[in-house]
Amino acid sequence: MTSSDEACVYARMTHASIASVAHKTHSTSTTSFRPRHDYWPDHFVFVSHYLFIAGVTPVGLATEQALGLNHGGLGGPLGTRHEAILDGRYPPEWARGWTI
């Protein structure tokens, strides 16, 4: 099995595990964000100068929780995002100006 095969298996497992997730504050389950079908700004906003990604709908909240979009720690997405902000590599061009 090549590394690309392993990545494909991991991606399928990850997608399957978050396809339907229950948000902690809601008693019902919801689907996760589907990038091919959903529009990002409908479900997420940037907070604190792009450092945090906050879900604003049940789909966004469930996806934020399931993927750990704001988890800290070494190598976590929050630390990596902070470094990219300091280096000027983040946010992506399409998202500039979308903060609250």
C-alpha atoms as a PDB file:
ATOM      1  CA  MET A   1       0.000   0.000   0.000  1.00  0.00           C
ATOM      2  CA  THR A   2       1.444   3.360  -1.015  1.00  0.00           C
ATOM      3  CA  SER A   3       1.201   6.519   1.053  1.00  0.00           C
ATOM      4  CA  SER A   4      -1.471   7.876  -1.307  1.00  0.00           C
ATOM      5  CA  ASP A   5      -3.496   4.665  -0.801  1.00  0.00           C
ATOM      6  CA  GLU A   6      -3.176   5.127   2.959  1.00  0.00           C
ATOM      7  CA  ALA A   7      -4.317   8.749   2.645  1.00  0.00           C
ATOM      8  CA  CYS A   8      -7.378   7.683   0.656  1.00  0.00           C
ATOM      9  CA  VAL A   9      -8.300   5.060   3.246  1.00  0.00           C
ATOM     10  CA  TYR A  10      -7.854   7.605   6.043  1.00  0.00           C
ATOM     11  CA  ALA A  11      -9.945  10.199   4.201  1.00  0.00           C
ATOM     12  CA  ARG A  12     -12.788   7.720   3.689  1.00  0.00           C
ATOM     13  CA  MET A  13     -12.658   6.654   7.359  1.00  0.00           C
ATOM     14  CA  THR A  14     -12.611  10.267   8.547  1.00  0.00           C
ATOM     15  CA  HIS A  15     -15.489  11.257   6.274  1.00  0.00           C
ATOM     16  CA  ALA A  16     -17.537   8.273   7.406  1.00  0.00           C
ATOM     17  CA  SER A  17     -16.925   9.067  11.057  1.00  0.00           C
ATOM     18  CA  ILE A  18     -18.077  12.690  10.725  1.00  0.00           C
ATOM     19  CA  ALA A  19     -20.777  12.293   8.095  1.00  0.00           C
ATOM     20  CA  SER A  20     -23.387  12.363  10.830  1.00  0.00           C
ATOM     21  CA  VAL A  21     -22.319  13.790  14.182  1.00  0.00           C
ATOM     22  CA  ALA A  22     -24.193  14.882  17.258  1.00  0.00           C
ATOM     23  CA  HIS A  23     -23.375  18.324  18.567  1.00  0.00           C
ATOM     24  CA  LYS A  24     -22.921  18.522  22.352  1.00  0.00           C
ATOM     25  CA  THR A  25     -25.619  21.143  22.825  1.00  0.00           C
ATOM     26  CA  HIS A  26     -28.176  19.565  20.520  1.00  0.00           C
ATOM     27  CA  SER A  27     -29.976  16.292  21.133  1.00  0.00           C
ATOM     28  CA  THR A  28     -30.291  15.502  17.431  1.00  0.00           C
ATOM     29  CA  SER A  29     -27.583  14.526  14.989  1.00  0.00           C
ATOM     30  CA  THR A  30     -26.715  16.603  11.951  1.00  0.00           C
ATOM     31  CA  THR A  31     -24.602  16.174   8.866  1.00  0.00           C
ATOM     32  CA  SER A  32     -21.134  17.616   8.701  1.00  0.00           C
ATOM     33  CA  PHE A  33     -20.063  20.344   6.284  1.00  0.00           C
ATOM     34  CA  ARG A  34     -19.891  19.050   2.708  1.00  0.00           C
ATOM     35  CA  PRO A  35     -17.520  21.268   0.713  1.00  0.00           C
ATOM     36  CA  ARG A  36     -18.890  20.149  -2.641  1.00  0.00           C
ATOM     37  CA  HIS A  37     -22.458  21.015  -1.655  1.00  0.00           C
ATOM     38  CA  ASP A  38     -22.331  23.601   1.146  1.00  0.00           C
ATOM     39  CA  TYR A  39     -21.188  27.234   1.051  1.00  0.00           C
ATOM     40  CA  TRP A  40     -18.487  27.889   3.675  1.00  0.00           C
ATOM     41  CA  PRO A  41     -19.655  31.383   4.815  1.00  0.00           C
ATOM     42  CA  ASP A  42     -23.132  30.017   5.517  1.00  0.00           C
ATOM     43  CA  HIS A  43     -21.736  27.768   8.257  1.00  0.00           C
ATOM     44  CA  PHE A  44     -18.498  29.331   9.583  1.00  0.00           C
ATOM     45  CA  VAL A  45     -16.945  32.680  10.515  1.00  0.00           C
ATOM     46  CA  PHE A  46     -13.420  33.725  11.455  1.00  0.00           C
ATOM     47  CA  VAL A  47     -12.959  35.168  14.939  1.00  0.00           C
ATOM     48  CA  SER A  48     -10.028  37.035  16.560  1.00  0.00           C
ATOM     49  CA  HIS A  49      -8.159  38.102  13.441  1.00  0.00           C
ATOM     50  CA  TYR A  50      -8.695  34.753  11.677  1.00  0.00           C
ATOM     51  CA  LEU A  51      -7.218  32.674  14.524  1.00  0.00           C
ATOM     52  CA  PHE A  52     -10.421  30.768  15.312  1.00  0.00           C
ATOM     53  CA  ILE A  53     -12.955  29.197  12.958  1.00  0.00           C
ATOM     54  CA  ALA A  54     -16.404  29.239  14.566  1.00  0.00           C
ATOM     55  CA  GLY A  55     -19.391  27.235  13.403  1.00  0.00           C
ATOM     56  CA  VAL A  56     -22.550  29.360  13.283  1.00  0.00           C
ATOM     57  CA  THR A  57     -25.079  26.715  12.244  1.00  0.00           C
ATOM     58  CA  PRO A  58     -25.698  23.192  13.559  1.00  0.00           C
ATOM     59  CA  VAL A  59     -23.712  21.872  10.568  1.00  0.00           C
ATOM     60  CA  GLY A  60     -20.838  24.280  11.271  1.00  0.00           C
ATOM     61  CA  LEU A  61     -20.841  23.599  15.011  1.00  0.00           C
ATOM     62  CA  ALA A  62     -20.873  19.827  14.527  1.00  0.00           C
ATOM     63  CA  THR A  63     -18.055  20.016  11.969  1.00  0.00           C
ATOM     64  CA  GLU A  64     -15.992  22.322  14.187  1.00  0.00           C
ATOM     65  CA  GLN A  65     -16.358  19.858  17.049  1.00  0.00           C
ATOM     66  CA  ALA A  66     -15.792  16.684  14.992  1.00  0.00           C
ATOM     67  CA  LEU A  67     -12.662  17.981  13.245  1.00  0.00           C
ATOM     68  CA  GLY A  68     -11.268  19.867  16.231  1.00  0.00           C
ATOM     69  CA  LEU A  69     -10.759  22.987  14.132  1.00  0.00           C
ATOM     70  CA  ASN A  70      -9.597  25.052  17.129  1.00  0.00           C
ATOM     71  CA  HIS A  71      -7.606  22.499  19.124  1.00  0.00           C
ATOM     72  CA  GLY A  72      -4.308  23.782  20.435  1.00  0.00           C
ATOM     73  CA  GLY A  73      -1.173  21.852  21.249  1.00  0.00           C
ATOM     74  CA  LEU A  74       1.969  21.103  19.308  1.00  0.00           C
ATOM     75  CA  GLY A  75       1.152  20.556  15.683  1.00  0.00           C
ATOM     76  CA  GLY A  76      -2.540  21.209  16.255  1.00  0.00           C
ATOM     77  CA  PRO A  77      -4.550  23.285  13.818  1.00  0.00           C
ATOM     78  CA  LEU A  78      -4.628  26.325  16.101  1.00  0.00           C
ATOM     79  CA  GLY A  79      -0.826  26.527  16.399  1.00  0.00           C
ATOM     80  CA  THR A  80      -0.334  25.877  12.705  1.00  0.00           C
ATOM     81  CA  ARG A  81      -2.931  28.527  11.805  1.00  0.00           C
ATOM     82  CA  HIS A  82      -1.270  31.053  14.146  1.00  0.00           C
ATOM     83  CA  GLU A  83       2.125  30.498  12.506  1.00  0.00           C
ATOM     84  CA  ALA A  84       0.578  30.903   9.047  1.00  0.00           C
ATOM     85  CA  ILE A  85      -1.081  34.173  10.124  1.00  0.00           C
ATOM     86  CA  LEU A  86       2.233  35.523  11.425  1.00  0.00           C
ATOM     87  CA  ASP A  87       3.967  34.502   8.179  1.00  0.00           C
ATOM     88  CA  GLY A  88       1.230  36.126   6.051  1.00  0.00           C
ATOM     89  CA  ARG A  89       0.152  32.795   4.514  1.00  0.00           C
ATOM     90  CA  TYR A  90      -3.282  32.818   6.151  1.00  0.00           C
ATOM     91  CA  PRO A  91      -6.164  33.514   5.706  1.00  0.00           C
ATOM     92  CA  PRO A  92      -6.645  32.430   2.125  1.00  0.00           C
ATOM     93  CA  GLU A  93      -7.280  35.225  -0.347  1.00  0.00           C
ATOM     94  CA  TRP A  94     -10.981  34.325  -0.733  1.00  0.00           C
ATOM     95  CA  ALA A  95     -11.584  34.707   3.000  1.00  0.00           C
ATOM     96  CA  ARG A  96      -9.940  38.054   3.691  1.00  0.00           C
ATOM     97  CA  GLY A  97     -12.397  40.483   5.218  1.00  0.00           C
ATOM     98  CA  TRP A  98     -14.685  37.802   6.713  1.00  0.00           C
ATOM     99  CA  THR A  99     -14.094  38.322  10.434  1.00  0.00           C
ATOM    100  CA  ILE A 100     -16.360  39.210  13.318  1.00  0.00           C
END
